[in-house]
N, C-alpha and C. Protein backbone atom coordinates (compact mmCIF):
# COMPACT_ATOMS: atom_id res chain seq x y z
N MET A 1 38.92 -27.37 -4.61
CA MET A 1 38.16 -26.33 -4.45
C MET A 1 37.06 -26.48 -5.61
N PRO A 2 35.73 -26.11 -5.12
CA PRO A 2 34.65 -26.33 -6.06
C PRO A 2 34.74 -25.14 -7.16
N SER A 3 34.35 -25.58 -8.42
CA SER A 3 34.19 -24.52 -9.44
C SER A 3 33.03 -23.50 -9.06
N ILE A 4 33.04 -22.43 -9.53
CA ILE A 4 32.17 -21.51 -9.32
C ILE A 4 31.23 -21.51 -10.68
N LYS A 5 30.06 -21.84 -10.33
CA LYS A 5 29.05 -21.96 -11.50
C LYS A 5 28.46 -20.59 -12.11
N TYR A 6 28.06 -19.71 -11.04
CA TYR A 6 27.49 -18.49 -11.38
C TYR A 6 28.46 -17.43 -10.95
N MET A 7 29.13 -16.59 -11.95
CA MET A 7 29.81 -15.48 -11.75
C MET A 7 28.78 -14.16 -11.98
N ILE A 8 28.87 -13.48 -10.72
CA ILE A 8 28.09 -12.39 -10.63
C ILE A 8 29.03 -11.14 -10.97
N GLU A 9 28.71 -10.50 -12.13
CA GLU A 9 29.36 -9.13 -12.29
C GLU A 9 28.31 -8.22 -12.70
N LEU A 10 27.90 -7.27 -11.68
CA LEU A 10 26.89 -6.38 -11.93
C LEU A 10 27.39 -5.21 -12.62
N SER A 11 26.51 -4.74 -13.46
CA SER A 11 26.81 -3.57 -14.25
C SER A 11 26.74 -2.40 -13.34
N ASP A 12 27.22 -1.23 -13.71
CA ASP A 12 27.09 0.09 -12.89
C ASP A 12 25.63 0.45 -12.33
N GLN A 13 24.81 0.30 -13.57
CA GLN A 13 23.39 0.39 -13.26
C GLN A 13 22.60 -0.39 -12.36
N ASP A 14 22.99 -1.73 -12.46
CA ASP A 14 22.43 -2.76 -11.47
C ASP A 14 22.88 -2.49 -9.96
N LYS A 15 24.08 -2.25 -9.98
CA LYS A 15 24.89 -1.90 -8.62
C LYS A 15 24.18 -0.69 -8.03
N ALA A 16 23.81 0.22 -8.79
CA ALA A 16 23.20 1.55 -8.31
C ALA A 16 21.81 1.19 -7.90
N THR A 17 21.08 0.36 -8.57
CA THR A 17 19.66 0.05 -8.30
C THR A 17 19.71 -0.83 -6.83
N LEU A 18 20.54 -1.80 -6.89
CA LEU A 18 20.62 -2.44 -5.54
C LEU A 18 21.12 -1.64 -4.35
N LEU A 19 22.05 -0.66 -4.46
CA LEU A 19 22.50 0.08 -3.42
C LEU A 19 21.22 0.88 -2.80
N ASP A 20 20.66 1.60 -3.86
CA ASP A 20 19.36 2.44 -3.56
C ASP A 20 18.49 1.41 -2.87
N ILE A 21 18.07 0.33 -3.36
CA ILE A 21 17.17 -0.66 -2.56
C ILE A 21 17.55 -0.68 -0.99
N VAL A 22 18.98 -1.09 -0.97
CA VAL A 22 19.60 -1.42 0.37
C VAL A 22 19.51 -0.17 1.29
N LYS A 23 19.97 0.97 0.67
CA LYS A 23 19.97 2.33 1.53
C LYS A 23 18.71 2.85 1.99
N LYS A 24 17.66 2.74 1.17
CA LYS A 24 16.42 3.30 1.46
C LYS A 24 15.86 2.62 2.37
N GLY A 25 15.71 1.22 2.25
CA GLY A 25 15.14 0.00 3.12
C GLY A 25 13.48 0.19 3.03
N ALA A 26 13.02 0.70 2.04
CA ALA A 26 11.57 0.78 2.00
C ALA A 26 10.75 -0.25 1.29
N ARG A 27 11.69 -1.42 1.00
CA ARG A 27 11.09 -2.62 0.28
C ARG A 27 10.84 -3.69 1.03
N THR A 28 10.39 -4.78 0.76
CA THR A 28 10.04 -5.93 1.49
C THR A 28 11.44 -6.65 1.99
N ALA A 29 11.48 -7.34 3.28
CA ALA A 29 12.72 -8.01 3.51
C ALA A 29 13.27 -8.89 2.75
N ARG A 30 12.53 -9.51 2.10
CA ARG A 30 13.08 -10.47 0.87
C ARG A 30 13.89 -9.72 -0.16
N THR A 31 13.41 -8.72 -0.53
CA THR A 31 13.95 -7.85 -1.64
C THR A 31 15.19 -7.30 -1.03
N ILE A 32 15.43 -6.73 0.08
CA ILE A 32 16.60 -6.19 0.63
C ILE A 32 17.55 -7.37 0.82
N LEU A 33 17.27 -8.53 1.27
CA LEU A 33 18.04 -9.56 1.37
C LEU A 33 18.69 -10.04 0.06
N ARG A 34 17.89 -10.28 -1.04
CA ARG A 34 18.46 -10.40 -2.36
C ARG A 34 19.33 -9.55 -2.83
N ALA A 35 19.06 -8.21 -2.55
CA ALA A 35 19.99 -6.95 -3.01
C ALA A 35 21.36 -7.22 -2.27
N ASN A 36 21.12 -7.37 -1.16
CA ASN A 36 22.50 -7.59 -0.27
C ASN A 36 23.18 -8.82 -0.89
N ILE A 37 22.58 -9.91 -1.02
CA ILE A 37 23.19 -11.10 -1.51
C ILE A 37 23.90 -10.98 -3.10
N LEU A 38 23.17 -10.13 -3.81
CA LEU A 38 23.94 -9.71 -5.06
C LEU A 38 24.99 -8.71 -5.02
N LEU A 39 24.72 -7.76 -4.02
CA LEU A 39 26.04 -6.81 -3.81
C LEU A 39 27.18 -7.48 -3.32
N ALA A 40 27.13 -8.58 -2.44
CA ALA A 40 28.07 -9.24 -1.63
C ALA A 40 28.69 -10.31 -2.72
N SER A 41 28.17 -10.65 -3.76
CA SER A 41 28.58 -11.68 -4.65
C SER A 41 29.15 -10.89 -5.97
N ASP A 42 29.21 -9.75 -6.24
CA ASP A 42 29.72 -8.95 -7.28
C ASP A 42 31.20 -9.29 -7.30
N ARG A 43 31.60 -9.92 -8.39
CA ARG A 43 33.14 -10.13 -8.67
C ARG A 43 34.02 -8.89 -8.71
N ARG A 44 33.33 -7.82 -9.40
CA ARG A 44 33.96 -6.56 -9.54
C ARG A 44 34.34 -6.02 -8.32
N ASN A 45 33.52 -6.37 -7.24
CA ASN A 45 34.02 -5.85 -5.99
C ASN A 45 35.13 -6.27 -5.35
N GLU A 46 36.00 -5.77 -4.82
CA GLU A 46 37.28 -6.08 -4.19
C GLU A 46 37.05 -7.30 -3.11
N THR A 47 35.96 -6.98 -2.30
CA THR A 47 35.59 -7.73 -1.30
C THR A 47 34.51 -8.69 -1.41
N HIS A 48 34.42 -9.30 -2.56
CA HIS A 48 33.31 -10.37 -2.88
C HIS A 48 33.47 -11.38 -1.88
N MET A 49 32.37 -12.17 -1.79
CA MET A 49 32.35 -13.10 -0.45
C MET A 49 32.12 -14.39 -1.32
N THR A 50 32.42 -15.47 -0.58
CA THR A 50 31.93 -16.88 -1.03
C THR A 50 30.50 -17.00 -0.57
N VAL A 51 29.86 -18.29 -1.06
CA VAL A 51 28.52 -18.52 -0.81
C VAL A 51 28.28 -18.79 0.67
N SER A 52 29.23 -19.47 1.43
CA SER A 52 28.98 -19.72 2.82
C SER A 52 29.16 -18.57 3.54
N GLU A 53 30.25 -17.38 3.11
CA GLU A 53 30.35 -16.27 3.88
C GLU A 53 29.11 -15.38 3.83
N ILE A 54 28.44 -15.17 2.68
CA ILE A 54 27.30 -14.53 2.42
C ILE A 54 26.06 -15.04 3.30
N ALA A 55 25.97 -16.30 3.36
CA ALA A 55 24.96 -16.99 3.98
C ALA A 55 25.19 -16.79 5.50
N LYS A 56 26.44 -16.85 5.96
CA LYS A 56 26.44 -16.41 7.45
C LYS A 56 26.40 -14.95 7.72
N ALA A 57 26.84 -14.03 6.83
CA ALA A 57 26.57 -12.55 7.11
C ALA A 57 25.24 -12.10 7.18
N TYR A 58 24.42 -12.79 6.21
CA TYR A 58 22.95 -12.28 6.11
C TYR A 58 22.04 -13.35 6.77
N HIS A 59 22.53 -14.21 7.37
CA HIS A 59 21.78 -14.91 8.29
C HIS A 59 20.70 -15.76 7.33
N THR A 60 21.12 -16.41 6.40
CA THR A 60 20.40 -17.30 5.45
C THR A 60 21.22 -18.52 5.15
N THR A 61 20.66 -19.27 4.32
CA THR A 61 21.27 -20.51 3.93
C THR A 61 22.20 -20.51 2.62
N PRO A 62 23.09 -21.33 2.58
CA PRO A 62 23.80 -21.18 1.29
C PRO A 62 22.89 -21.52 0.10
N THR A 63 21.83 -22.45 0.22
CA THR A 63 20.98 -22.82 -0.77
C THR A 63 20.32 -21.48 -1.41
N THR A 64 19.81 -20.61 -0.46
CA THR A 64 19.20 -19.38 -0.74
C THR A 64 20.03 -18.41 -1.63
N VAL A 65 21.34 -18.39 -1.27
CA VAL A 65 22.38 -17.56 -1.76
C VAL A 65 22.63 -18.02 -3.34
N GLN A 66 22.68 -19.41 -3.33
CA GLN A 66 22.83 -20.06 -4.93
C GLN A 66 21.63 -19.82 -5.76
N THR A 67 20.42 -19.89 -5.03
CA THR A 67 19.26 -19.52 -5.76
C THR A 67 19.19 -18.18 -6.30
N VAL A 68 19.38 -17.12 -5.52
CA VAL A 68 19.53 -15.82 -5.94
C VAL A 68 20.50 -15.57 -7.01
N ARG A 69 21.73 -16.11 -6.94
CA ARG A 69 22.73 -15.92 -7.90
C ARG A 69 22.18 -16.54 -9.26
N ALA A 70 21.73 -17.89 -9.01
CA ALA A 70 21.27 -18.53 -10.32
C ALA A 70 20.23 -17.75 -11.07
N SER A 71 19.33 -17.07 -10.14
CA SER A 71 18.30 -16.48 -10.70
C SER A 71 18.66 -15.10 -11.47
N TYR A 72 19.62 -14.45 -11.05
CA TYR A 72 20.16 -13.24 -11.61
C TYR A 72 21.00 -13.61 -12.79
N CYS A 73 21.67 -14.77 -12.85
CA CYS A 73 22.31 -15.14 -14.07
C CYS A 73 21.22 -15.53 -15.09
N ASP A 74 20.44 -16.13 -14.76
CA ASP A 74 19.46 -16.71 -15.79
C ASP A 74 18.15 -15.73 -16.18
N LYS A 75 17.71 -15.06 -15.20
CA LYS A 75 16.48 -14.06 -15.51
C LYS A 75 16.81 -12.55 -15.61
N GLY A 76 17.84 -12.28 -14.84
CA GLY A 76 18.30 -10.60 -14.80
C GLY A 76 17.72 -10.04 -13.47
N LEU A 77 18.08 -9.04 -13.25
CA LEU A 77 17.86 -8.30 -11.90
C LEU A 77 16.45 -8.35 -11.49
N GLU A 78 15.48 -7.78 -12.42
CA GLU A 78 14.14 -7.37 -11.99
C GLU A 78 13.43 -8.77 -11.52
N ALA A 79 13.58 -9.87 -12.16
CA ALA A 79 13.00 -11.18 -11.93
C ALA A 79 13.60 -11.59 -10.58
N THR A 80 14.89 -11.34 -10.36
CA THR A 80 15.55 -12.04 -9.07
C THR A 80 14.97 -11.21 -7.93
N ILE A 81 14.81 -9.94 -8.03
CA ILE A 81 14.47 -9.01 -6.80
C ILE A 81 12.82 -9.19 -6.52
N ASN A 82 12.23 -8.76 -7.70
CA ASN A 82 10.78 -8.61 -7.51
C ASN A 82 9.96 -9.86 -7.52
N ARG A 83 8.93 -10.05 -6.92
CA ARG A 83 7.96 -11.22 -6.78
C ARG A 83 7.25 -11.29 -8.04
N LYS A 84 7.15 -12.52 -8.70
CA LYS A 84 6.15 -12.64 -9.83
C LYS A 84 4.67 -12.34 -9.68
N LYS A 85 4.01 -11.64 -10.30
CA LYS A 85 2.91 -11.32 -10.19
C LYS A 85 1.83 -12.50 -10.60
N ARG A 86 0.90 -12.67 -9.88
CA ARG A 86 -0.17 -13.90 -10.03
C ARG A 86 -0.86 -13.44 -11.29
N GLU A 87 -1.01 -14.21 -12.29
CA GLU A 87 -1.85 -13.86 -13.33
C GLU A 87 -3.39 -14.20 -12.93
N THR A 88 -3.63 -15.17 -12.18
CA THR A 88 -5.12 -15.36 -11.98
C THR A 88 -5.36 -15.44 -10.58
N PRO A 89 -6.45 -14.94 -9.95
CA PRO A 89 -6.58 -15.01 -8.61
C PRO A 89 -6.65 -16.42 -8.10
N PRO A 90 -6.44 -16.91 -7.02
CA PRO A 90 -6.44 -18.24 -6.38
C PRO A 90 -7.86 -18.77 -6.62
N VAL A 91 -8.88 -18.25 -6.38
CA VAL A 91 -10.13 -18.51 -6.63
C VAL A 91 -11.08 -17.54 -7.49
N PRO A 92 -11.49 -18.11 -8.51
CA PRO A 92 -12.36 -17.10 -9.48
C PRO A 92 -13.46 -16.45 -8.80
N ALA A 93 -13.75 -15.44 -9.10
CA ALA A 93 -14.98 -14.52 -8.63
C ALA A 93 -16.07 -15.24 -8.75
N LYS A 94 -17.00 -15.51 -7.71
CA LYS A 94 -18.30 -16.08 -8.02
C LYS A 94 -19.39 -15.11 -8.55
N VAL A 95 -19.15 -13.74 -8.13
CA VAL A 95 -20.18 -12.79 -8.52
C VAL A 95 -19.49 -11.91 -9.92
N THR A 96 -20.34 -12.39 -10.93
CA THR A 96 -19.85 -11.62 -12.08
C THR A 96 -20.50 -10.22 -12.22
N GLY A 97 -20.02 -9.61 -13.44
CA GLY A 97 -20.98 -8.24 -13.63
C GLY A 97 -22.31 -8.68 -13.97
N GLU A 98 -22.54 -9.59 -14.80
CA GLU A 98 -23.95 -10.11 -14.97
C GLU A 98 -24.75 -10.29 -13.83
N VAL A 99 -24.21 -11.08 -12.88
CA VAL A 99 -25.03 -11.17 -11.66
C VAL A 99 -25.09 -9.99 -11.00
N GLU A 100 -24.14 -9.03 -10.61
CA GLU A 100 -24.42 -7.71 -10.18
C GLU A 100 -25.45 -7.03 -10.79
N ALA A 101 -25.58 -6.93 -12.07
CA ALA A 101 -26.51 -6.28 -12.87
C ALA A 101 -28.07 -6.78 -12.28
N HIS A 102 -28.07 -8.07 -12.25
CA HIS A 102 -29.35 -8.66 -11.88
C HIS A 102 -29.86 -8.32 -10.50
N ILE A 103 -28.81 -8.27 -9.70
CA ILE A 103 -29.13 -7.83 -8.21
C ILE A 103 -29.53 -6.42 -8.06
N ILE A 104 -28.89 -5.53 -8.94
CA ILE A 104 -29.05 -4.21 -8.91
C ILE A 104 -30.59 -3.96 -9.47
N ALA A 105 -30.89 -4.76 -10.53
CA ALA A 105 -32.17 -4.53 -11.19
C ALA A 105 -33.09 -4.89 -10.25
N LEU A 106 -33.04 -6.08 -9.43
CA LEU A 106 -33.83 -6.56 -8.57
C LEU A 106 -34.17 -5.69 -7.37
N ALA A 107 -33.09 -4.90 -6.77
CA ALA A 107 -33.14 -3.94 -5.69
C ALA A 107 -33.96 -2.88 -6.22
N CYS A 108 -33.80 -2.37 -7.44
CA CYS A 108 -34.61 -1.16 -7.97
C CYS A 108 -36.04 -1.58 -8.21
N SER A 109 -36.36 -2.76 -8.34
CA SER A 109 -37.65 -3.25 -8.71
C SER A 109 -38.56 -3.22 -7.37
N ASP A 110 -40.05 -3.26 -7.49
CA ASP A 110 -40.82 -3.35 -6.44
C ASP A 110 -40.68 -4.72 -5.54
N PRO A 111 -40.93 -4.41 -4.25
CA PRO A 111 -40.70 -5.64 -3.40
C PRO A 111 -41.62 -6.52 -3.51
N PRO A 112 -41.64 -7.93 -3.25
CA PRO A 112 -42.64 -8.78 -3.19
C PRO A 112 -43.89 -8.40 -2.34
N LYS A 113 -44.90 -9.00 -2.62
CA LYS A 113 -46.19 -9.00 -1.83
C LYS A 113 -45.93 -9.19 -0.60
N GLY A 114 -46.44 -8.40 0.44
CA GLY A 114 -46.35 -8.55 2.05
C GLY A 114 -45.30 -7.80 2.53
N TYR A 115 -44.18 -7.24 1.60
CA TYR A 115 -43.15 -6.49 2.20
C TYR A 115 -43.20 -5.10 1.57
N SER A 116 -42.64 -4.14 2.45
CA SER A 116 -42.86 -2.88 2.25
C SER A 116 -41.49 -2.51 1.39
N ARG A 117 -40.42 -3.04 1.78
CA ARG A 117 -39.11 -2.81 0.88
C ARG A 117 -38.36 -3.87 0.87
N TRP A 118 -37.12 -3.93 0.19
CA TRP A 118 -36.26 -5.18 -0.18
C TRP A 118 -35.26 -5.21 1.12
N THR A 119 -35.23 -6.23 1.66
CA THR A 119 -34.02 -6.32 2.71
C THR A 119 -32.83 -7.06 2.17
N LEU A 120 -31.76 -7.08 2.69
CA LEU A 120 -30.57 -7.85 1.97
C LEU A 120 -30.89 -9.42 2.04
N ARG A 121 -31.40 -9.94 3.06
CA ARG A 121 -31.61 -11.21 3.09
C ARG A 121 -32.86 -11.77 2.18
N LEU A 122 -33.83 -10.79 1.73
CA LEU A 122 -34.63 -10.88 0.66
C LEU A 122 -34.12 -11.11 -0.48
N LEU A 123 -33.17 -9.97 -0.77
CA LEU A 123 -32.50 -10.16 -2.22
C LEU A 123 -31.64 -11.22 -2.38
N ALA A 124 -31.01 -11.51 -1.17
CA ALA A 124 -30.10 -12.89 -1.40
C ALA A 124 -30.85 -13.96 -1.81
N ASP A 125 -31.96 -14.35 -1.10
CA ASP A 125 -32.92 -15.43 -1.34
C ASP A 125 -33.54 -15.30 -2.61
N LYS A 126 -33.87 -14.24 -3.16
CA LYS A 126 -34.65 -14.01 -4.59
C LYS A 126 -33.48 -14.30 -5.58
N THR A 127 -32.37 -13.90 -5.39
CA THR A 127 -31.33 -14.09 -6.33
C THR A 127 -30.99 -15.45 -6.68
N VAL A 128 -30.99 -16.13 -5.43
CA VAL A 128 -30.74 -17.77 -5.72
C VAL A 128 -32.00 -18.57 -6.13
N GLU A 129 -33.33 -17.94 -5.73
CA GLU A 129 -34.54 -18.45 -6.24
C GLU A 129 -34.56 -18.36 -7.65
N MET A 130 -34.10 -17.22 -8.17
CA MET A 130 -34.20 -16.92 -9.76
C MET A 130 -33.19 -17.62 -10.47
N GLY A 131 -32.37 -18.10 -9.93
CA GLY A 131 -31.27 -19.01 -10.58
C GLY A 131 -29.99 -18.15 -11.15
N TYR A 132 -29.94 -16.96 -10.46
CA TYR A 132 -28.59 -16.28 -11.08
C TYR A 132 -27.37 -16.61 -10.46
N ILE A 133 -27.58 -17.20 -9.42
CA ILE A 133 -26.22 -17.58 -8.56
C ILE A 133 -26.66 -18.92 -7.72
N ASP A 134 -25.66 -19.88 -7.39
CA ASP A 134 -26.11 -20.85 -6.56
C ASP A 134 -26.17 -20.47 -5.16
N SER A 135 -25.49 -19.60 -4.75
CA SER A 135 -25.59 -19.14 -3.32
C SER A 135 -24.98 -17.83 -3.14
N ILE A 136 -25.50 -16.97 -2.38
CA ILE A 136 -24.98 -15.90 -2.00
C ILE A 136 -25.39 -15.26 -0.69
N SER A 137 -24.37 -14.51 0.07
CA SER A 137 -24.49 -13.99 1.35
C SER A 137 -25.29 -12.67 1.24
N TYR A 138 -25.95 -12.36 2.19
CA TYR A 138 -26.69 -11.04 2.28
C TYR A 138 -25.40 -10.09 2.45
N VAL A 139 -24.22 -10.30 3.02
CA VAL A 139 -23.21 -9.42 2.96
C VAL A 139 -22.76 -9.01 1.73
N THR A 140 -22.73 -9.99 0.77
CA THR A 140 -22.14 -9.80 -0.62
C THR A 140 -23.28 -9.01 -1.15
N ILE A 141 -24.49 -8.96 -1.19
CA ILE A 141 -25.49 -8.23 -1.40
C ILE A 141 -25.21 -6.82 -1.18
N SER A 142 -24.96 -6.61 0.19
CA SER A 142 -24.54 -5.25 0.74
C SER A 142 -23.44 -4.68 0.01
N THR A 143 -22.48 -5.37 -0.05
CA THR A 143 -20.99 -4.92 -0.85
C THR A 143 -21.59 -4.45 -2.09
N ILE A 144 -22.35 -5.27 -2.93
CA ILE A 144 -22.65 -4.81 -4.30
C ILE A 144 -23.39 -3.67 -4.36
N LEU A 145 -24.46 -3.47 -3.50
CA LEU A 145 -25.38 -2.35 -3.36
C LEU A 145 -24.43 -0.96 -2.98
N LYS A 146 -23.72 -1.21 -1.97
CA LYS A 146 -22.78 -0.08 -1.37
C LYS A 146 -21.81 0.39 -2.61
N LYS A 147 -21.23 -0.56 -3.50
CA LYS A 147 -20.40 -0.12 -4.43
C LYS A 147 -21.16 0.83 -5.73
N THR A 148 -22.47 0.58 -5.75
CA THR A 148 -23.27 1.34 -6.73
C THR A 148 -24.01 2.44 -5.97
N ASN A 149 -23.66 2.73 -4.75
CA ASN A 149 -24.24 3.69 -3.92
C ASN A 149 -25.89 3.64 -4.13
N LEU A 150 -26.38 2.22 -3.89
CA LEU A 150 -27.81 2.24 -3.87
C LEU A 150 -28.09 1.86 -2.29
N SER A 151 -29.24 2.34 -1.72
CA SER A 151 -29.68 2.06 -0.45
C SER A 151 -30.94 1.49 -0.40
N LEU A 152 -31.19 0.67 0.45
CA LEU A 152 -32.41 -0.04 0.54
C LEU A 152 -33.53 0.80 1.30
N THR A 153 -33.09 1.57 2.01
CA THR A 153 -34.10 2.34 2.86
C THR A 153 -34.80 3.47 2.04
């Protein structure tokens, strides 16, 4: 018989938290599955299950069960159940506050000769022409102006 590497013994507080998650069902499916795995793995429970029994009962793989158990032993309850928040966005923002300020100042200024008012496309072209940004969509210009309650009409 293989040795048990991760012995799960939930504290009363952890068990209460997990039961609350499972009973309410208002969390993500991943969170509820992990809570069920930990509850089924609890050695203090008289009906604790083996890895293969848990995998079969919750329609997952033994690898997932082992990963959850290992994560609980190494990192604790919060890190096991909740997803890690991303520190940086996948793509850095192209439009910074400085660029927004230039666009707003440009929109508040007088339109170029031959035009009675600024248009979104005209603002986008002028922003690129003045070197504030490499390229920008007129839709982005619209979003910036809408955010600051500016109107071009």
